[in-house]
C-alpha atoms as a PDB file:
ATOM      1  CA  UNK A   1      24.417 106.406 104.601  1.00  0.00           C
ATOM      2  CA  UNK A   2      26.858 103.803 105.973  1.00  0.00           C
ATOM      3  CA  UNK A   3      27.153 103.281 109.639  1.00  0.00           C
ATOM      4  CA  UNK A   4      30.633 103.685 111.230  1.00  0.00           C
ATOM      5  CA  UNK A   5      30.979  99.918 111.754  1.00  0.00           C
ATOM      6  CA  UNK A   6      29.959  99.222 108.160  1.00  0.00           C
ATOM      7  CA  UNK A   7      32.416 101.854 106.897  1.00  0.00           C
ATOM      8  CA  UNK A   8      35.242 100.294 108.945  1.00  0.00           C
ATOM      9  CA  UNK A   9      34.433  96.839 107.586  1.00  0.00           C
ATOM     10  CA  UNK A  10      34.432  98.223 104.012  1.00  0.00           C
ATOM     11  CA  UNK A  11      37.853  99.885 104.468  1.00  0.00           C
ATOM     12  CA  UNK A  12      39.287  96.717 106.070  1.00  0.00           C
ATOM     13  CA  UNK A  13      38.007  94.463 103.287  1.00  0.00           C
ATOM     14  CA  UNK A  14      39.361  96.848 100.633  1.00  0.00           C
ATOM     15  CA  UNK A  15      42.839  96.847 102.239  1.00  0.00           C
ATOM     16  CA  UNK A  16      42.767  93.050 102.513  1.00  0.00           C
ATOM     17  CA  UNK A  17      41.801  92.603  98.876  1.00  0.00           C
ATOM     18  CA  UNK A  18      44.553  95.052  97.845  1.00  0.00           C
ATOM     19  CA  UNK A  19      47.154  93.128  99.871  1.00  0.00           C
ATOM     20  CA  UNK A  20      46.031  89.820  98.332  1.00  0.00           C
ATOM     21  CA  UNK A  21      46.266  91.327  94.847  1.00  0.00           C
ATOM     22  CA  UNK A  22      49.794  92.551  95.523  1.00  0.00           C
ATOM     23  CA  UNK A  23      50.741  89.144  96.904  1.00  0.00           C
ATOM     24  CA  UNK A  24      49.298  87.475  93.836  1.00  0.00           C
ATOM     25  CA  UNK A  25      51.381  89.780  91.652  1.00  0.00           C
ATOM     26  CA  UNK A  26      54.607  88.879  93.504  1.00  0.00           C
ATOM     27  CA  UNK A  27      54.270  85.093  93.723  1.00  0.00           C
ATOM     28  CA  UNK A  28      53.407  82.194  91.484  1.00  0.00           C
ATOM     29  CA  UNK A  29      52.612  78.576  92.347  1.00  0.00           C
ATOM     30  CA  UNK A  30      54.926  76.098  90.642  1.00  0.00           C
ATOM     31  CA  UNK A  31      54.588  72.421  91.625  1.00  0.00           C
ATOM     32  CA  UNK A  32      52.949  73.470  94.861  1.00  0.00           C
ATOM     33  CA  UNK A  33      55.773  75.924  95.758  1.00  0.00           C
ATOM     34  CA  UNK A  34      55.638  79.681  95.814  1.00  0.00           C
ATOM     35  CA  UNK A  35      58.208  81.314  93.554  1.00  0.00           C
ATOM     36  CA  UNK A  36      58.860  85.050  93.731  1.00  0.00           C
ATOM     37  CA  UNK A  37      58.335  86.861  90.418  1.00  0.00           C
ATOM     38  CA  UNK A  38      60.141  89.986  91.574  1.00  0.00           C
ATOM     39  CA  UNK A  39      63.686  90.679  90.440  1.00  0.00           C
ATOM     40  CA  UNK A  40      66.024  87.912  91.607  1.00  0.00           C
ATOM     41  CA  UNK A  41      69.572  88.950  92.547  1.00  0.00           C
ATOM     42  CA  UNK A  42      72.518  86.725  93.221  1.00  0.00           C
ATOM     43  CA  UNK A  43      75.632  88.835  93.945  1.00  0.00           C
ATOM     44  CA  UNK A  44      78.876  86.822  94.218  1.00  0.00           C
ATOM     45  CA  UNK A  45      82.634  87.206  94.738  1.00  0.00           C
ATOM     46  CA  UNK A  46      85.273  84.848  93.374  1.00  0.00           C
ATOM     47  CA  UNK A  47      88.874  83.991  94.143  1.00  0.00           C
ATOM     48  CA  UNK A  48      91.042  81.547  92.244  1.00  0.00           C
ATOM     49  CA  UNK A  49      94.406  80.559  90.835  1.00  0.00           C
ATOM     50  CA  UNK A  50      95.386  78.972  87.549  1.00  0.00           C
ATOM     51  CA  UNK A  51      98.037  78.092  84.990  1.00  0.00           C
ATOM     52  CA  UNK A  52      97.967  78.271  81.185  1.00  0.00           C
ATOM     53  CA  UNK A  53      99.484  76.992  77.964  1.00  0.00           C
ATOM     54  CA  UNK A  54     100.537  79.560  75.462  1.00  0.00           C
ATOM     55  CA  UNK A  55     100.789  78.825  71.743  1.00  0.00           C
ATOM     56  CA  UNK A  56     102.524  80.666  68.898  1.00  0.00           C
ATOM     57  CA  UNK A  57     105.850  82.388  69.580  1.00  0.00           C
ATOM     58  CA  UNK A  58     106.017  82.404  73.423  1.00  0.00           C
ATOM     59  CA  UNK A  59     109.539  83.861  73.581  1.00  0.00           C
ATOM     60  CA  UNK A  60     109.222  85.583  76.960  1.00  0.00           C
ATOM     61  CA  UNK A  61     107.970  82.575  78.860  1.00  0.00           C
ATOM     62  CA  UNK A  62     110.310  80.750  81.201  1.00  0.00           C
ATOM     63  CA  UNK A  63     109.007  77.165  80.878  1.00  0.00           C
ATOM     64  CA  UNK A  64     109.320  75.892  77.333  1.00  0.00           C
ATOM     65  CA  UNK A  65     107.763  72.466  76.795  1.00  0.00           C
ATOM     66  CA  UNK A  66     109.319  71.735  73.430  1.00  0.00           C
ATOM     67  CA  UNK A  67     112.727  71.905  71.818  1.00  0.00           C
ATOM     68  CA  UNK A  68     112.803  75.663  71.091  1.00  0.00           C
ATOM     69  CA  UNK A  69     111.449  78.987  72.222  1.00  0.00           C
ATOM     70  CA  UNK A  70     108.765  78.680  69.534  1.00  0.00           C
ATOM     71  CA  UNK A  71     107.336  75.555  71.156  1.00  0.00           C
ATOM     72  CA  UNK A  72     104.370  75.244  73.470  1.00  0.00           C
ATOM     73  CA  UNK A  73     105.101  76.931  76.802  1.00  0.00           C
ATOM     74  CA  UNK A  74     103.614  77.335  80.241  1.00  0.00           C
ATOM     75  CA  UNK A  75     102.440  80.747  81.334  1.00  0.00           C
ATOM     76  CA  UNK A  76     103.263  82.064  84.783  1.00  0.00           C
ATOM     77  CA  UNK A  77     100.821  80.919  87.478  1.00  0.00           C
ATOM     78  CA  UNK A  78      98.275  83.612  88.186  1.00  0.00           C
ATOM     79  CA  UNK A  79      95.717  84.619  90.816  1.00  0.00           C
ATOM     80  CA  UNK A  80      92.250  85.968  90.156  1.00  0.00           C
ATOM     81  CA  UNK A  81      89.842  88.138  92.117  1.00  0.00           C
ATOM     82  CA  UNK A  82      86.410  88.945  90.826  1.00  0.00           C
ATOM     83  CA  UNK A  83      82.759  89.617  91.411  1.00  0.00           C
ATOM     84  CA  UNK A  84      79.454  89.894  89.621  1.00  0.00           C
ATOM     85  CA  UNK A  85      75.711  89.620  89.904  1.00  0.00           C
ATOM     86  CA  UNK A  86      73.252  87.226  88.329  1.00  0.00           C
ATOM     87  CA  UNK A  87      69.645  87.979  87.387  1.00  0.00           C
ATOM     88  CA  UNK A  88      66.900  85.666  86.152  1.00  0.00           C
ATOM     89  CA  UNK A  89      64.980  82.601  87.182  1.00  0.00           C
ATOM     90  CA  UNK A  90      65.964  81.282  90.639  1.00  0.00           C
ATOM     91  CA  UNK A  91      65.108  77.775  89.460  1.00  0.00           C
ATOM     92  CA  UNK A  92      66.506  78.095  85.931  1.00  0.00           C
ATOM     93  CA  UNK A  93      68.951  80.082  83.814  1.00  0.00           C
ATOM     94  CA  UNK A  94      70.419  83.320  85.056  1.00  0.00           C
ATOM     95  CA  UNK A  95      72.691  85.903  83.451  1.00  0.00           C
ATOM     96  CA  UNK A  96      74.709  88.959  84.431  1.00  0.00           C
ATOM     97  CA  UNK A  97      77.941  90.943  84.343  1.00  0.00           C
ATOM     98  CA  UNK A  98      81.244  89.698  85.824  1.00  0.00           C
ATOM     99  CA  UNK A  99      84.463  91.670  86.421  1.00  0.00           C
ATOM    100  CA  UNK A 100      87.753  89.919  87.174  1.00  0.00           C
ATOM    101  CA  UNK A 101      91.278  91.024  87.890  1.00  0.00           C
ATOM    102  CA  UNK A 102      94.006  88.502  87.011  1.00  0.00           C
ATOM    103  CA  UNK A 103      97.656  89.000  87.920  1.00  0.00           C
ATOM    104  CA  UNK A 104     100.808  86.922  87.503  1.00  0.00           C
ATOM    105  CA  UNK A 105     102.327  85.429  90.635  1.00  0.00           C
ATOM    106  CA  UNK A 106     105.848  84.955  89.240  1.00  0.00           C
ATOM    107  CA  UNK A 107     108.061  86.355  86.463  1.00  0.00           C
ATOM    108  CA  UNK A 108     107.199  89.555  84.583  1.00  0.00           C
ATOM    109  CA  UNK A 109     104.493  91.541  86.421  1.00  0.00           C
ATOM    110  CA  UNK A 110     101.270  91.182  84.443  1.00  0.00           C
ATOM    111  CA  UNK A 111      97.807  92.555  85.243  1.00  0.00           C
ATOM    112  CA  UNK A 112      94.672  91.831  83.247  1.00  0.00           C
ATOM    113  CA  UNK A 113      91.187  93.323  83.791  1.00  0.00           C
ATOM    114  CA  UNK A 114      88.416  91.124  82.336  1.00  0.00           C
ATOM    115  CA  UNK A 115      84.892  92.558  81.972  1.00  0.00           C
ATOM    116  CA  UNK A 116      82.594  89.812  80.802  1.00  0.00           C
ATOM    117  CA  UNK A 117      78.983  88.657  80.649  1.00  0.00           C
ATOM    118  CA  UNK A 118      77.933  85.223  81.821  1.00  0.00           C
ATOM    119  CA  UNK A 119      75.146  82.637  81.883  1.00  0.00           C
ATOM    120  CA  UNK A 120      74.610  80.593  85.048  1.00  0.00           C
ATOM    121  CA  UNK A 121      72.595  77.574  86.197  1.00  0.00           C
ATOM    122  CA  UNK A 122      72.478  76.918  89.914  1.00  0.00           C
ATOM    123  CA  UNK A 123      71.299  73.781  91.632  1.00  0.00           C
ATOM    124  CA  UNK A 124      71.275  72.746  95.286  1.00  0.00           C
ATOM    125  CA  UNK A 125      74.663  71.030  95.097  1.00  0.00           C
ATOM    126  CA  UNK A 126      76.076  71.656  91.612  1.00  0.00           C
ATOM    127  CA  UNK A 127      76.088  74.621  89.245  1.00  0.00           C
ATOM    128  CA  UNK A 128      77.478  75.558  85.848  1.00  0.00           C
ATOM    129  CA  UNK A 129      78.560  78.777  84.198  1.00  0.00           C
ATOM    130  CA  UNK A 130      79.878  80.164  80.912  1.00  0.00           C
ATOM    131  CA  UNK A 131      81.278  83.613  80.114  1.00  0.00           C
ATOM    132  CA  UNK A 132      82.384  85.751  77.196  1.00  0.00           C
ATOM    133  CA  UNK A 133      84.759  88.643  77.948  1.00  0.00           C
ATOM    134  CA  UNK A 134      87.193  91.206  76.551  1.00  0.00           C
ATOM    135  CA  UNK A 135      90.406  90.962  78.657  1.00  0.00           C
ATOM    136  CA  UNK A 136      92.338  94.213  78.877  1.00  0.00           C
ATOM    137  CA  UNK A 137      96.046  93.718  79.428  1.00  0.00           C
ATOM    138  CA  UNK A 138      97.240  96.595  81.619  1.00  0.00           C
ATOM    139  CA  UNK A 139     100.918  95.629  81.950  1.00  0.00           C
ATOM    140  CA  UNK A 140     103.620  95.055  80.897  1.00  0.00           C
ATOM    141  CA  UNK A 141     102.229  96.200  77.498  1.00  0.00           C
ATOM    142  CA  UNK A 142      98.708  97.482  76.905  1.00  0.00           C
ATOM    143  CA  UNK A 143      96.669  95.110  74.774  1.00  0.00           C
ATOM    144  CA  UNK A 144      93.194  93.643  74.423  1.00  0.00           C
ATOM    145  CA  UNK A 145      91.844  90.263  73.497  1.00  0.00           C
ATOM    146  CA  UNK A 146      88.855  87.935  73.699  1.00  0.00           C
ATOM    147  CA  UNK A 147      88.017  85.271  76.278  1.00  0.00           C
ATOM    148  CA  UNK A 148      85.536  82.446  76.552  1.00  0.00           C
ATOM    149  CA  UNK A 149      85.245  80.362  79.713  1.00  0.00           C
ATOM    150  CA  UNK A 150      83.144  77.524  81.028  1.00  0.00           C
ATOM    151  CA  UNK A 151      83.133  75.658  84.312  1.00  0.00           C
ATOM    152  CA  UNK A 152      81.268  74.136  87.163  1.00  0.00           C
ATOM    153  CA  UNK A 153      80.729  74.696  90.908  1.00  0.00           C
ATOM    154  CA  UNK A 154      80.262  72.332  93.795  1.00  0.00           C
ATOM    155  CA  UNK A 155      78.423  73.988  96.717  1.00  0.00           C
ATOM    156  CA  UNK A 156      79.647  72.882 100.082  1.00  0.00           C
ATOM    157  CA  UNK A 157      77.107  75.236 101.682  1.00  0.00           C
ATOM    158  CA  UNK A 158      74.303  77.430 100.295  1.00  0.00           C
ATOM    159  CA  UNK A 159      76.569  80.445  99.878  1.00  0.00           C
ATOM    160  CA  UNK A 160      79.966  78.833  99.476  1.00  0.00           C
ATOM    161  CA  UNK A 161      81.134  76.857  96.465  1.00  0.00           C
ATOM    162  CA  UNK A 162      84.339  75.523  94.921  1.00  0.00           C
ATOM    163  CA  UNK A 163      84.880  76.119  91.214  1.00  0.00           C
ATOM    164  CA  UNK A 164      86.786  74.626  88.301  1.00  0.00           C
ATOM    165  CA  UNK A 165      87.020  76.571  85.048  1.00  0.00           C
ATOM    166  CA  UNK A 166      88.567  76.227  81.610  1.00  0.00           C
ATOM    167  CA  UNK A 167      89.464  79.462  79.807  1.00  0.00           C
ATOM    168  CA  UNK A 168      90.459  80.227  76.217  1.00  0.00           C
ATOM    169  CA  UNK A 169      92.030  83.570  75.326  1.00  0.00           C
ATOM    170  CA  UNK A 170      93.200  85.235  72.115  1.00  0.00           C
ATOM    171  CA  UNK A 171      95.557  88.220  72.139  1.00  0.00           C
ATOM    172  CA  UNK A 172      96.814  90.239  69.201  1.00  0.00           C
ATOM    173  CA  UNK A 173     100.507  91.158  69.201  1.00  0.00           C
ATOM    174  CA  UNK A 174     102.774  93.596  67.413  1.00  0.00           C
ATOM    175  CA  UNK A 175     103.611  92.799  63.797  1.00  0.00           C
ATOM    176  CA  UNK A 176     106.869  91.068  62.995  1.00  0.00           C
ATOM    177  CA  UNK A 177     108.678  90.544  59.650  1.00  0.00           C
ATOM    178  CA  UNK A 178     107.406  86.947  59.641  1.00  0.00           C
ATOM    179  CA  UNK A 179     103.862  87.700  60.783  1.00  0.00           C
ATOM    180  CA  UNK A 180     101.995  90.910  60.089  1.00  0.00           C
ATOM    181  CA  UNK A 181      99.013  90.057  62.334  1.00  0.00           C
ATOM    182  CA  UNK A 182     100.239  87.728  65.093  1.00  0.00           C
ATOM    183  CA  UNK A 183      97.657  86.084  67.306  1.00  0.00           C
ATOM    184  CA  UNK A 184      98.602  84.444  70.630  1.00  0.00           C
ATOM    185  CA  UNK A 185      96.177  81.792  71.922  1.00  0.00           C
ATOM    186  CA  UNK A 186      96.249  80.865  75.606  1.00  0.00           C
ATOM    187  CA  UNK A 187      94.414  77.903  77.179  1.00  0.00           C
ATOM    188  CA  UNK A 188      94.158  78.031  80.984  1.00  0.00           C
ATOM    189  CA  UNK A 189      92.674  75.974  83.806  1.00  0.00           C
ATOM    190  CA  UNK A 190      91.686  77.554  87.112  1.00  0.00           C
ATOM    191  CA  UNK A 191      90.498  76.351  90.515  1.00  0.00           C
ATOM    192  CA  UNK A 192      88.873  78.654  93.021  1.00  0.00           C
ATOM    193  CA  UNK A 193      86.005  79.460  95.362  1.00  0.00           C
ATOM    194  CA  UNK A 194      82.818  81.535  95.117  1.00  0.00           C
ATOM    195  CA  UNK A 195      80.841  83.269  97.861  1.00  0.00           C
ATOM    196  CA  UNK A 196      77.226  84.068  97.012  1.00  0.00           C
ATOM    197  CA  UNK A 197      74.254  85.865  98.519  1.00  0.00           C
ATOM    198  CA  UNK A 198      70.821  85.131  97.075  1.00  0.00           C
ATOM    199  CA  UNK A 199      68.186  87.878  97.397  1.00  0.00           C
ATOM    200  CA  UNK A 200      64.512  87.421  96.701  1.00  0.00           C
ATOM    201  CA  UNK A 201      62.890  90.868  97.114  1.00  0.00           C
END
């Protein structure tokens, strides 16, 4: 039969061992530092603006760079708002979904919704990212395409960074007598900012 003091000590030691076990499950020692093994979350919001080059039959664009309407042309400048969340290794590669809304700032009203999935690598000062998405053209004509993007980020503060990104898009257009399956490539460059919040549960 255990005495009350012995019983109290047994309960206290059991709780302490249980807490240590849970702590051991949630952390790991890497190079002398404790790294949380629990799910890492990095929600973020983005804002940016860019300009693109359109290839192949850009008849409706205002700024033609060549001698005819079939030449290389500039797209309208556009703005972009977006957000996403990254999961993975806080000290290594992360991945997660991204949703962006792009809209033209001049000319014909154009709105594009871009769901995509990205890979990210974040350092103390610099970071990099790449995405693959399926842009959905909402107006002026409904359409869908493919997008790949890659860029970098310079972090002025832990949760605030400035981004530069290069984007390549392909859109399929309506058939014409000259081309039954027209494809319209667009190459764009964008500058912007990102606001992040890192969460280590």
